[in-house]
């Protein structure tokens, strides 16, 4: 209890600028933790929905039937399902156009899927730069508060006729709290950024692999249809 009270007293007795630095770091820490939990849920949902859709897609069945099933489903199927819908919609639209070359049909579907993929990755990466900023800037903000607090401590020491450790210790202690808060805000943000960035890259690779595999299926469909029409 004594330690808690002394730390609280040090914070309350700190200069206005050091208190502002501490408040800023606490706000950065709270914001980053809220974002960490939010991104955890978002990426977990995206990964689980990708696994579910891949299982349904590769289980076999007509592409049109799969499209109807995912289009009428009440659930939000996630990024991979939206990429599939975008590609198949464009593929179906282009095939209805008279005289459209098979290569142009597939290329249009590919473009639609790439646009949808980019949109999905933008959503997955949203707010990650904030974690990177907190992780890189917080230690320097804390260090600034520490330097300012130590400077004030030595300025106060200059007015004393007899310098003792007990005289300067409180000022240095309150200054070091700013450094501790800076590290407390930065370390989780850096760890979370690296972890989530790696998960987004794996998700991106999974989406891109599906796009290329689906495009190969569409190419076979158009080739088969063109051969049968001859």
C-alpha atoms as a PDB file:
ATOM      1  CA  UNK A   1       0.000   0.000   0.000  1.00  0.00           C
ATOM      2  CA  UNK A   2       2.894   2.374   0.864  1.00  0.00           C
ATOM      3  CA  UNK A   3       4.489   1.866  -2.538  1.00  0.00           C
ATOM      4  CA  UNK A   4       1.183   2.573  -4.272  1.00  0.00           C
ATOM      5  CA  UNK A   5       0.670   5.742  -2.302  1.00  0.00           C
ATOM      6  CA  UNK A   6       4.222   6.974  -2.938  1.00  0.00           C
ATOM      7  CA  UNK A   7       3.939   6.403  -6.681  1.00  0.00           C
ATOM      8  CA  UNK A   8       0.598   8.197  -6.722  1.00  0.00           C
ATOM      9  CA  UNK A   9       2.126  11.067  -4.773  1.00  0.00           C
ATOM     10  CA  UNK A  10       5.058  11.243  -7.192  1.00  0.00           C
ATOM     11  CA  UNK A  11       2.665  11.489 -10.131  1.00  0.00           C
ATOM     12  CA  UNK A  12       0.558  14.156  -8.430  1.00  0.00           C
ATOM     13  CA  UNK A  13       3.625  16.173  -7.456  1.00  0.00           C
ATOM     14  CA  UNK A  14       5.174  16.014 -10.921  1.00  0.00           C
ATOM     15  CA  UNK A  15       5.346  19.118 -13.098  1.00  0.00           C
ATOM     16  CA  UNK A  16       2.496  19.852 -15.477  1.00  0.00           C
ATOM     17  CA  UNK A  17       4.504  18.841 -18.555  1.00  0.00           C
ATOM     18  CA  UNK A  18       5.543  15.504 -17.033  1.00  0.00           C
ATOM     19  CA  UNK A  19       1.942  14.841 -15.988  1.00  0.00           C
ATOM     20  CA  UNK A  20       0.817  15.607 -19.538  1.00  0.00           C
ATOM     21  CA  UNK A  21       3.399  13.152 -20.910  1.00  0.00           C
ATOM     22  CA  UNK A  22       2.188  10.482 -18.485  1.00  0.00           C
ATOM     23  CA  UNK A  23      -1.450  11.105 -19.423  1.00  0.00           C
ATOM     24  CA  UNK A  24      -0.579  10.919 -23.123  1.00  0.00           C
ATOM     25  CA  UNK A  25       1.222   7.596 -22.656  1.00  0.00           C
ATOM     26  CA  UNK A  26      -1.634   6.131 -20.628  1.00  0.00           C
ATOM     27  CA  UNK A  27      -4.089   7.158 -23.368  1.00  0.00           C
ATOM     28  CA  UNK A  28      -1.815   5.601 -26.016  1.00  0.00           C
ATOM     29  CA  UNK A  29      -1.587   2.382 -24.004  1.00  0.00           C
ATOM     30  CA  UNK A  30      -5.357   2.125 -23.492  1.00  0.00           C
ATOM     31  CA  UNK A  31      -6.016   2.860 -27.182  1.00  0.00           C
ATOM     32  CA  UNK A  32      -3.482   0.313 -28.359  1.00  0.00           C
ATOM     33  CA  UNK A  33      -4.874  -2.401 -26.070  1.00  0.00           C
ATOM     34  CA  UNK A  34      -8.403  -1.720 -27.330  1.00  0.00           C
ATOM     35  CA  UNK A  35      -7.121  -1.974 -30.906  1.00  0.00           C
ATOM     36  CA  UNK A  36      -5.171  -5.151 -30.100  1.00  0.00           C
ATOM     37  CA  UNK A  37      -8.328  -6.871 -28.874  1.00  0.00           C
ATOM     38  CA  UNK A  38     -10.362  -5.567 -31.824  1.00  0.00           C
ATOM     39  CA  UNK A  39      -7.845  -6.752 -34.429  1.00  0.00           C
ATOM     40  CA  UNK A  40      -7.601 -10.120 -32.699  1.00  0.00           C
ATOM     41  CA  UNK A  41     -11.328 -10.686 -33.180  1.00  0.00           C
ATOM     42  CA  UNK A  42     -11.324  -9.373 -36.759  1.00  0.00           C
ATOM     43  CA  UNK A  43      -8.403 -11.522 -37.918  1.00  0.00           C
ATOM     44  CA  UNK A  44      -9.661 -14.588 -36.085  1.00  0.00           C
ATOM     45  CA  UNK A  45     -13.041 -14.226 -37.804  1.00  0.00           C
ATOM     46  CA  UNK A  46     -11.382 -13.741 -41.214  1.00  0.00           C
ATOM     47  CA  UNK A  47      -9.196 -16.822 -40.783  1.00  0.00           C
ATOM     48  CA  UNK A  48     -12.045 -19.029 -39.575  1.00  0.00           C
ATOM     49  CA  UNK A  49     -14.369 -17.896 -42.378  1.00  0.00           C
ATOM     50  CA  UNK A  50     -11.635 -18.583 -44.952  1.00  0.00           C
ATOM     51  CA  UNK A  51     -11.223 -22.147 -43.671  1.00  0.00           C
ATOM     52  CA  UNK A  52     -14.992 -22.696 -43.687  1.00  0.00           C
ATOM     53  CA  UNK A  53     -15.443 -21.389 -47.230  1.00  0.00           C
ATOM     54  CA  UNK A  54     -12.471 -23.341 -48.573  1.00  0.00           C
ATOM     55  CA  UNK A  55     -13.938 -26.540 -47.147  1.00  0.00           C
ATOM     56  CA  UNK A  56     -17.281 -25.811 -48.809  1.00  0.00           C
ATOM     57  CA  UNK A  57     -15.713 -24.760 -52.103  1.00  0.00           C
ATOM     58  CA  UNK A  58     -13.367 -27.709 -52.507  1.00  0.00           C
ATOM     59  CA  UNK A  59     -16.031 -30.174 -51.385  1.00  0.00           C
ATOM     60  CA  UNK A  60     -17.217 -30.058 -54.978  1.00  0.00           C
ATOM     61  CA  UNK A  61     -20.405 -28.932 -56.598  1.00  0.00           C
ATOM     62  CA  UNK A  62     -21.447 -26.602 -59.355  1.00  0.00           C
ATOM     63  CA  UNK A  63     -19.992 -23.081 -59.180  1.00  0.00           C
ATOM     64  CA  UNK A  64     -23.420 -21.558 -59.761  1.00  0.00           C
ATOM     65  CA  UNK A  65     -24.852 -23.557 -56.868  1.00  0.00           C
ATOM     66  CA  UNK A  66     -22.006 -22.485 -54.581  1.00  0.00           C
ATOM     67  CA  UNK A  67     -22.616 -18.879 -55.609  1.00  0.00           C
ATOM     68  CA  UNK A  68     -26.337 -19.131 -54.852  1.00  0.00           C
ATOM     69  CA  UNK A  69     -25.621 -20.740 -51.483  1.00  0.00           C
ATOM     70  CA  UNK A  70     -23.185 -18.049 -50.357  1.00  0.00           C
ATOM     71  CA  UNK A  71     -25.302 -15.237 -51.791  1.00  0.00           C
ATOM     72  CA  UNK A  72     -28.425 -16.306 -49.895  1.00  0.00           C
ATOM     73  CA  UNK A  73     -26.638 -17.230 -46.682  1.00  0.00           C
ATOM     74  CA  UNK A  74     -27.571 -15.075 -43.699  1.00  0.00           C
ATOM     75  CA  UNK A  75     -24.042 -15.134 -42.316  1.00  0.00           C
ATOM     76  CA  UNK A  76     -21.246 -12.838 -43.462  1.00  0.00           C
ATOM     77  CA  UNK A  77     -18.942 -15.338 -45.111  1.00  0.00           C
ATOM     78  CA  UNK A  78     -15.815 -13.260 -44.777  1.00  0.00           C
ATOM     79  CA  UNK A  79     -13.170 -12.042 -47.188  1.00  0.00           C
ATOM     80  CA  UNK A  80     -12.612 -15.158 -49.271  1.00  0.00           C
ATOM     81  CA  UNK A  81     -16.320 -15.563 -49.875  1.00  0.00           C
ATOM     82  CA  UNK A  82     -16.629 -11.934 -50.972  1.00  0.00           C
ATOM     83  CA  UNK A  83     -13.683 -12.402 -53.348  1.00  0.00           C
ATOM     84  CA  UNK A  84     -15.389 -15.449 -54.849  1.00  0.00           C
ATOM     85  CA  UNK A  85     -18.683 -13.598 -55.272  1.00  0.00           C
ATOM     86  CA  UNK A  86     -16.978 -10.653 -56.965  1.00  0.00           C
ATOM     87  CA  UNK A  87     -15.177 -12.918 -59.424  1.00  0.00           C
ATOM     88  CA  UNK A  88     -18.137 -15.139 -60.234  1.00  0.00           C
ATOM     89  CA  UNK A  89     -20.491 -12.179 -60.664  1.00  0.00           C
ATOM     90  CA  UNK A  90     -18.170 -10.599 -63.204  1.00  0.00           C
ATOM     91  CA  UNK A  91     -17.576 -13.946 -64.890  1.00  0.00           C
ATOM     92  CA  UNK A  92     -21.327 -14.530 -65.268  1.00  0.00           C
ATOM     93  CA  UNK A  93     -21.935 -10.994 -66.512  1.00  0.00           C
ATOM     94  CA  UNK A  94     -19.211 -11.199 -69.147  1.00  0.00           C
ATOM     95  CA  UNK A  95     -20.344 -14.612 -70.388  1.00  0.00           C
ATOM     96  CA  UNK A  96     -23.782 -13.189 -71.116  1.00  0.00           C
ATOM     97  CA  UNK A  97     -22.271 -10.672 -73.518  1.00  0.00           C
ATOM     98  CA  UNK A  98     -22.435 -11.933 -77.081  1.00  0.00           C
ATOM     99  CA  UNK A  99     -19.086 -12.503 -78.715  1.00  0.00           C
ATOM    100  CA  UNK A 100     -16.963 -11.907 -75.611  1.00  0.00           C
ATOM    101  CA  UNK A 101     -13.633 -13.749 -76.040  1.00  0.00           C
ATOM    102  CA  UNK A 102     -12.979 -16.404 -73.368  1.00  0.00           C
ATOM    103  CA  UNK A 103      -9.705 -14.725 -72.404  1.00  0.00           C
ATOM    104  CA  UNK A 104     -11.498 -11.402 -71.859  1.00  0.00           C
ATOM    105  CA  UNK A 105     -14.134 -13.097 -69.693  1.00  0.00           C
ATOM    106  CA  UNK A 106     -11.500 -14.660 -67.445  1.00  0.00           C
ATOM    107  CA  UNK A 107      -9.458 -11.461 -67.320  1.00  0.00           C
ATOM    108  CA  UNK A 108     -12.503  -9.446 -66.227  1.00  0.00           C
ATOM    109  CA  UNK A 109     -13.204 -11.945 -63.443  1.00  0.00           C
ATOM    110  CA  UNK A 110      -9.549 -11.797 -62.409  1.00  0.00           C
ATOM    111  CA  UNK A 111      -9.621  -8.006 -62.197  1.00  0.00           C
ATOM    112  CA  UNK A 112     -12.792  -8.068 -60.114  1.00  0.00           C
ATOM    113  CA  UNK A 113     -11.253 -10.556 -57.702  1.00  0.00           C
ATOM    114  CA  UNK A 114      -8.035  -8.545 -57.401  1.00  0.00           C
ATOM    115  CA  UNK A 115     -10.033  -5.423 -56.570  1.00  0.00           C
ATOM    116  CA  UNK A 116     -12.002  -7.322 -53.936  1.00  0.00           C
ATOM    117  CA  UNK A 117      -8.796  -8.856 -52.554  1.00  0.00           C
ATOM    118  CA  UNK A 118      -7.192  -5.421 -52.233  1.00  0.00           C
ATOM    119  CA  UNK A 119     -10.271  -4.142 -50.416  1.00  0.00           C
ATOM    120  CA  UNK A 120     -10.176  -7.072 -47.996  1.00  0.00           C
ATOM    121  CA  UNK A 121      -6.484  -6.598 -47.236  1.00  0.00           C
ATOM    122  CA  UNK A 122      -6.989  -2.871 -46.695  1.00  0.00           C
ATOM    123  CA  UNK A 123      -9.616  -3.728 -44.095  1.00  0.00           C
ATOM    124  CA  UNK A 124      -7.368  -6.314 -42.441  1.00  0.00           C
ATOM    125  CA  UNK A 125      -4.458  -3.860 -42.248  1.00  0.00           C
ATOM    126  CA  UNK A 126      -6.594  -0.977 -40.999  1.00  0.00           C
ATOM    127  CA  UNK A 127      -5.254   0.662 -37.800  1.00  0.00           C
ATOM    128  CA  UNK A 128      -2.090  -1.465 -37.752  1.00  0.00           C
ATOM    129  CA  UNK A 129       0.039   1.638 -38.488  1.00  0.00           C
ATOM    130  CA  UNK A 130      -1.305   3.107 -35.242  1.00  0.00           C
ATOM    131  CA  UNK A 131       0.230   0.211 -33.298  1.00  0.00           C
ATOM    132  CA  UNK A 132       3.510   0.738 -35.131  1.00  0.00           C
ATOM    133  CA  UNK A 133       3.420   4.442 -34.275  1.00  0.00           C
ATOM    134  CA  UNK A 134       2.710   3.799 -30.592  1.00  0.00           C
ATOM    135  CA  UNK A 135       5.491   1.219 -30.466  1.00  0.00           C
ATOM    136  CA  UNK A 136       8.076   3.486 -32.061  1.00  0.00           C
ATOM    137  CA  UNK A 137       7.152   6.859 -30.551  1.00  0.00           C
ATOM    138  CA  UNK A 138       6.126   6.023 -26.964  1.00  0.00           C
ATOM    139  CA  UNK A 139       9.666   5.371 -25.635  1.00  0.00           C
ATOM    140  CA  UNK A 140      10.812   8.748 -26.944  1.00  0.00           C
ATOM    141  CA  UNK A 141       7.832  10.533 -25.437  1.00  0.00           C
ATOM    142  CA  UNK A 142       8.575   8.835 -22.117  1.00  0.00           C
ATOM    143  CA  UNK A 143      12.241   9.771 -22.452  1.00  0.00           C
ATOM    144  CA  UNK A 144      11.285  13.379 -23.063  1.00  0.00           C
ATOM    145  CA  UNK A 145       9.250  13.391 -19.850  1.00  0.00           C
ATOM    146  CA  UNK A 146      12.166  11.812 -18.008  1.00  0.00           C
ATOM    147  CA  UNK A 147      14.680  14.361 -19.272  1.00  0.00           C
ATOM    148  CA  UNK A 148      12.350  17.221 -18.393  1.00  0.00           C
ATOM    149  CA  UNK A 149      11.712  15.817 -14.908  1.00  0.00           C
ATOM    150  CA  UNK A 150      15.419  15.283 -14.198  1.00  0.00           C
ATOM    151  CA  UNK A 151      16.165  18.779 -15.443  1.00  0.00           C
ATOM    152  CA  UNK A 152      13.612  20.207 -13.013  1.00  0.00           C
ATOM    153  CA  UNK A 153      15.053  18.059 -10.208  1.00  0.00           C
ATOM    154  CA  UNK A 154      18.553  19.462 -10.746  1.00  0.00           C
ATOM    155  CA  UNK A 155      17.202  22.987 -11.058  1.00  0.00           C
ATOM    156  CA  UNK A 156      15.547  22.545  -7.659  1.00  0.00           C
ATOM    157  CA  UNK A 157      18.800  21.087  -6.342  1.00  0.00           C
ATOM    158  CA  UNK A 158      20.667  24.232  -7.321  1.00  0.00           C
ATOM    159  CA  UNK A 159      18.556  26.221  -4.832  1.00  0.00           C
ATOM    160  CA  UNK A 160      19.520  23.935  -1.956  1.00  0.00           C
ATOM    161  CA  UNK A 161      22.490  24.830   0.248  1.00  0.00           C
ATOM    162  CA  UNK A 162      23.200  21.182   1.042  1.00  0.00           C
ATOM    163  CA  UNK A 163      22.614  18.596  -1.703  1.00  0.00           C
ATOM    164  CA  UNK A 164      21.531  15.165  -0.535  1.00  0.00           C
ATOM    165  CA  UNK A 165      20.131  12.084  -2.263  1.00  0.00           C
ATOM    166  CA  UNK A 166      16.848  12.548  -0.425  1.00  0.00           C
ATOM    167  CA  UNK A 167      16.528  15.978  -1.999  1.00  0.00           C
ATOM    168  CA  UNK A 168      16.926  14.919  -5.612  1.00  0.00           C
ATOM    169  CA  UNK A 169      15.489  11.378  -5.436  1.00  0.00           C
ATOM    170  CA  UNK A 170      11.764  12.278  -5.660  1.00  0.00           C
ATOM    171  CA  UNK A 171      12.284  14.399  -8.778  1.00  0.00           C
ATOM    172  CA  UNK A 172      14.292  11.684 -10.507  1.00  0.00           C
ATOM    173  CA  UNK A 173      11.790   9.013  -9.455  1.00  0.00           C
ATOM    174  CA  UNK A 174       8.840  10.906 -10.922  1.00  0.00           C
ATOM    175  CA  UNK A 175      10.821  11.427 -14.103  1.00  0.00           C
ATOM    176  CA  UNK A 176      11.589   7.720 -14.437  1.00  0.00           C
ATOM    177  CA  UNK A 177       7.887   6.912 -14.181  1.00  0.00           C
ATOM    178  CA  UNK A 178       7.485   8.555 -17.585  1.00  0.00           C
ATOM    179  CA  UNK A 179      10.088   6.201 -19.052  1.00  0.00           C
ATOM    180  CA  UNK A 180       8.337   3.204 -17.518  1.00  0.00           C
ATOM    181  CA  UNK A 181       4.997   4.297 -18.960  1.00  0.00           C
ATOM    182  CA  UNK A 182       6.594   4.772 -22.370  1.00  0.00           C
ATOM    183  CA  UNK A 183       7.911   1.209 -22.332  1.00  0.00           C
ATOM    184  CA  UNK A 184       4.597  -0.082 -20.978  1.00  0.00           C
ATOM    185  CA  UNK A 185       2.813   1.460 -23.954  1.00  0.00           C
ATOM    186  CA  UNK A 186       5.431   0.538 -26.568  1.00  0.00           C
ATOM    187  CA  UNK A 187       6.215  -3.120 -25.857  1.00  0.00           C
ATOM    188  CA  UNK A 188       2.679  -4.573 -26.295  1.00  0.00           C
ATOM    189  CA  UNK A 189       2.113  -2.382 -29.352  1.00  0.00           C
ATOM    190  CA  UNK A 190       5.308  -3.595 -31.063  1.00  0.00           C
ATOM    191  CA  UNK A 191       4.626  -7.255 -30.245  1.00  0.00           C
ATOM    192  CA  UNK A 192       1.002  -6.986 -31.439  1.00  0.00           C
ATOM    193  CA  UNK A 193       1.983  -5.152 -34.631  1.00  0.00           C
ATOM    194  CA  UNK A 194       4.532  -7.783 -35.623  1.00  0.00           C
ATOM    195  CA  UNK A 195       2.154 -10.622 -34.757  1.00  0.00           C
ATOM    196  CA  UNK A 196      -0.845  -9.177 -36.596  1.00  0.00           C
ATOM    197  CA  UNK A 197       1.218  -8.062 -39.579  1.00  0.00           C
ATOM    198  CA  UNK A 198       2.438 -11.639 -39.950  1.00  0.00           C
ATOM    199  CA  UNK A 199      -1.145 -12.943 -39.765  1.00  0.00           C
ATOM    200  CA  UNK A 200      -2.281 -10.433 -42.398  1.00  0.00           C
ATOM    201  CA  UNK A 201       0.532 -11.573 -44.703  1.00  0.00           C
ATOM    202  CA  UNK A 202      -0.508 -15.210 -44.276  1.00  0.00           C
ATOM    203  CA  UNK A 203      -4.128 -14.242 -44.946  1.00  0.00           C
ATOM    204  CA  UNK A 204      -3.053 -12.316 -48.037  1.00  0.00           C
ATOM    205  CA  UNK A 205      -1.137 -15.351 -49.317  1.00  0.00           C
ATOM    206  CA  UNK A 206      -4.186 -17.522 -48.708  1.00  0.00           C
ATOM    207  CA  UNK A 207      -6.456 -15.137 -50.618  1.00  0.00           C
ATOM    208  CA  UNK A 208      -4.039 -14.815 -53.532  1.00  0.00           C
ATOM    209  CA  UNK A 209      -3.645 -18.584 -53.775  1.00  0.00           C
ATOM    210  CA  UNK A 210      -7.418 -18.973 -53.906  1.00  0.00           C
ATOM    211  CA  UNK A 211      -7.709 -16.307 -56.602  1.00  0.00           C
ATOM    212  CA  UNK A 212      -5.178 -18.075 -58.822  1.00  0.00           C
ATOM    213  CA  UNK A 213      -6.787 -21.482 -58.256  1.00  0.00           C
ATOM    214  CA  UNK A 214     -10.255 -20.112 -58.972  1.00  0.00           C
ATOM    215  CA  UNK A 215      -9.030 -18.375 -62.119  1.00  0.00           C
ATOM    216  CA  UNK A 216      -7.612 -21.709 -63.297  1.00  0.00           C
ATOM    217  CA  UNK A 217     -11.035 -23.282 -62.804  1.00  0.00           C
ATOM    218  CA  UNK A 218     -12.706 -20.481 -64.784  1.00  0.00           C
ATOM    219  CA  UNK A 219     -10.185 -20.872 -67.593  1.00  0.00           C
ATOM    220  CA  UNK A 220     -10.996 -24.581 -67.819  1.00  0.00           C
ATOM    221  CA  UNK A 221     -14.725 -23.766 -67.877  1.00  0.00           C
ATOM    222  CA  UNK A 222     -14.375 -21.248 -70.680  1.00  0.00           C
ATOM    223  CA  UNK A 223     -12.097 -23.553 -72.657  1.00  0.00           C
ATOM    224  CA  UNK A 224     -14.548 -26.442 -72.285  1.00  0.00           C
ATOM    225  CA  UNK A 225     -17.483 -24.216 -73.290  1.00  0.00           C
ATOM    226  CA  UNK A 226     -15.593 -22.852 -76.316  1.00  0.00           C
ATOM    227  CA  UNK A 227     -14.648 -26.352 -77.439  1.00  0.00           C
ATOM    228  CA  UNK A 228     -18.218 -27.622 -77.054  1.00  0.00           C
ATOM    229  CA  UNK A 229     -19.639 -24.743 -79.106  1.00  0.00           C
ATOM    230  CA  UNK A 230     -17.490 -25.529 -82.125  1.00  0.00           C
END
